[in-house]
Amino acid sequence: MEKHLIHSNELHLINKRRIHQAIKQVVEDLDIAAGSTAGFNLYAVVESYLTDLEKRKNINELLDIEKNN
């Protein structure tokens, strides 16, 4: 069975539960005590980045990520 890859114009289609599962794995792999605490929420950041185009643009501007990268 061929795996369907999600392209940048389809990121908003990723199920939020899958995003949270992936972040949980990242947190475990990096030996981070928690993925979200006061003032720190990897779950919300990644979910917003993947599912909200306007927030993604704002984050990219903040990080000085060029549109064509």
Protein backbone atom coordinates (compact mmCIF):
# COMPACT_ATOMS: atom_id res chain seq x y z
CA MET A 1 0.00 0.00 0.00
CA GLU A 2 1.41 3.35 -1.06
CA LYS A 3 1.71 6.00 1.62
CA HIS A 4 0.01 9.33 0.83
CA LEU A 5 2.35 12.22 1.54
CA ILE A 6 0.83 15.47 2.74
CA HIS A 7 2.14 18.51 0.90
CA SER A 8 2.38 22.08 2.20
CA ASN A 9 -0.93 23.08 0.66
CA GLU A 10 -2.64 20.22 2.55
CA LEU A 11 -1.16 20.66 6.04
CA HIS A 12 -4.46 21.92 7.41
CA LEU A 13 -5.95 18.47 6.66
CA ILE A 14 -3.79 16.71 9.25
CA ASN A 15 -5.90 15.38 12.09
CA LYS A 16 -5.17 17.29 15.31
CA ARG A 17 -5.01 14.03 17.26
CA ARG A 18 -2.19 12.84 14.99
CA ILE A 19 -0.34 16.12 15.50
CA HIS A 20 -0.56 15.70 19.26
CA GLN A 21 0.61 12.08 19.03
CA ALA A 22 3.63 13.17 16.99
CA ILE A 23 4.52 15.94 19.44
CA LYS A 24 4.22 13.48 22.31
CA GLN A 25 6.77 11.31 20.51
CA VAL A 26 9.10 14.30 19.99
CA VAL A 27 8.82 15.19 23.68
CA GLU A 28 9.71 11.62 24.64
CA ASP A 29 12.57 11.37 22.11
CA LEU A 30 14.12 14.62 23.36
CA ASP A 31 13.69 13.64 27.03
CA ILE A 32 11.63 16.77 27.68
CA ALA A 33 9.71 16.63 30.96
CA ALA A 34 6.51 17.95 29.35
CA GLY A 35 5.29 19.26 26.01
CA SER A 36 3.24 21.94 27.67
CA THR A 37 3.68 23.91 30.87
CA ALA A 38 3.12 27.51 31.87
CA GLY A 39 4.31 29.62 28.94
CA PHE A 40 5.48 26.60 26.90
CA ASN A 41 3.19 24.55 24.66
CA LEU A 42 4.70 22.60 21.79
CA TYR A 43 1.33 21.03 21.06
CA ALA A 44 -0.35 24.39 20.43
CA VAL A 45 2.58 25.79 18.44
CA VAL A 46 2.85 22.85 16.05
CA GLU A 47 -0.92 22.48 15.71
CA SER A 48 -1.27 26.19 14.90
CA TYR A 49 1.66 26.11 12.49
CA LEU A 50 0.26 23.18 10.56
CA THR A 51 -3.44 24.05 10.56
CA ASP A 52 -3.69 27.86 10.53
CA LEU A 53 -2.22 29.57 7.48
CA GLU A 54 -2.30 33.06 9.01
CA LYS A 55 -0.51 31.91 12.17
CA ARG A 56 2.03 30.05 10.01
CA LYS A 57 2.76 33.27 8.12
CA ASN A 58 3.17 35.13 11.44
CA ILE A 59 5.50 32.47 12.84
CA ASN A 60 7.54 32.47 9.63
CA GLU A 61 7.90 36.25 9.81
CA LEU A 62 8.94 36.05 13.46
CA LEU A 63 11.58 33.44 12.63
CA ASP A 64 12.60 35.25 9.44
CA ILE A 65 11.76 32.23 7.31
CA GLU A 66 11.53 33.28 3.69
CA LYS A 67 8.42 32.35 1.74
CA ASN A 68 10.42 30.39 -0.85
CA ASN A 69 12.37 28.24 1.64
